[in-house]
Amino acid sequence: MNTDEILAAIDAEIAVLKQARAILTETETADGRSPRAGGKPRKRRKMSAETRAKMAAAQKARWAVKLKV
């Protein structure tokens, strides 16, 4: 291999690595998670205090049944 062939091979490898880098940086956010298809972040659903209290009571009731057995 002469110098020109070696340089051409290196340039080809650099192009492949740049493509791989571009793909990786597009598909991950800063914290490493993949973005949604639309690109917009999801809105978090908020539960009311009343709903949380109902869920807590239901879970306590389930545990009470298990502990009685």
Protein backbone atom coordinates (compact mmCIF):
# COMPACT_ATOMS: atom_id res chain seq x y z
CA MET A 1 0.00 0.00 0.00
CA ASN A 2 1.30 3.37 -0.86
CA THR A 3 0.68 6.54 1.14
CA ASP A 4 -2.27 7.67 -0.98
CA GLU A 5 -4.08 4.36 -0.47
CA ILE A 6 -3.49 4.49 3.28
CA LEU A 7 -4.81 8.04 3.48
CA ALA A 8 -7.88 7.10 1.42
CA ALA A 9 -8.58 4.17 3.76
CA ILE A 10 -8.22 6.41 6.81
CA ASP A 11 -10.56 9.02 5.26
CA ALA A 12 -13.14 6.31 4.54
CA GLU A 13 -12.96 5.07 8.13
CA ILE A 14 -13.32 8.62 9.45
CA ALA A 15 -16.46 9.08 7.32
CA VAL A 16 -17.97 5.88 8.74
CA LEU A 17 -17.17 6.96 12.30
CA LYS A 18 -18.69 10.40 11.73
CA GLN A 19 -21.90 8.78 10.49
CA ALA A 20 -22.03 6.51 13.52
CA ARG A 21 -21.47 9.48 15.84
CA ALA A 22 -24.23 11.47 14.14
CA ILE A 23 -26.67 8.58 14.56
CA LEU A 24 -25.80 8.17 18.22
CA THR A 25 -26.09 11.86 19.05
CA GLU A 26 -29.47 12.09 17.30
CA THR A 27 -31.03 9.19 19.15
CA GLU A 28 -30.04 10.01 22.71
CA THR A 29 -30.73 12.94 24.96
CA ALA A 30 -28.22 14.36 27.40
CA ASP A 31 -29.29 11.93 30.12
CA GLY A 32 -28.96 8.89 27.84
CA ARG A 33 -32.66 8.27 27.25
CA SER A 34 -34.10 7.98 23.77
CA PRO A 35 -36.43 10.80 22.79
CA ARG A 36 -40.05 10.22 21.82
CA ALA A 37 -40.92 9.96 18.13
CA GLY A 38 -42.54 13.42 18.13
CA GLY A 39 -39.60 14.93 19.94
CA LYS A 40 -41.79 16.62 22.53
CA PRO A 41 -41.37 15.67 26.18
CA ARG A 42 -44.30 13.95 27.83
CA LYS A 43 -46.43 15.88 30.26
CA ARG A 44 -46.54 14.32 33.70
CA ARG A 45 -49.99 13.49 34.94
CA LYS A 46 -50.67 14.80 38.39
CA MET A 47 -52.77 12.91 40.88
CA SER A 48 -54.85 14.80 43.35
CA ALA A 49 -54.25 14.37 47.05
CA GLU A 50 -57.64 12.65 47.27
CA THR A 51 -56.63 10.09 44.63
CA ARG A 52 -53.31 9.40 46.34
CA ALA A 53 -55.13 8.90 49.64
CA LYS A 54 -57.56 6.44 48.02
CA MET A 55 -54.67 4.50 46.48
CA ALA A 56 -52.83 4.41 49.81
CA ALA A 57 -55.93 3.17 51.61
CA ALA A 58 -56.48 0.46 49.01
CA GLN A 59 -52.86 -0.70 49.30
CA LYS A 60 -53.09 -0.77 53.10
CA ALA A 61 -56.23 -2.87 52.80
CA ARG A 62 -54.45 -5.31 50.47
CA TRP A 63 -51.54 -5.62 52.89
CA ALA A 64 -53.90 -6.09 55.83
CA VAL A 65 -55.53 -9.03 54.04
CA LYS A 66 -52.12 -10.59 53.32
CA LEU A 67 -50.92 -10.13 56.90
CA LYS A 68 -54.05 -11.75 58.38
CA VAL A 69 -53.48 -14.96 56.42
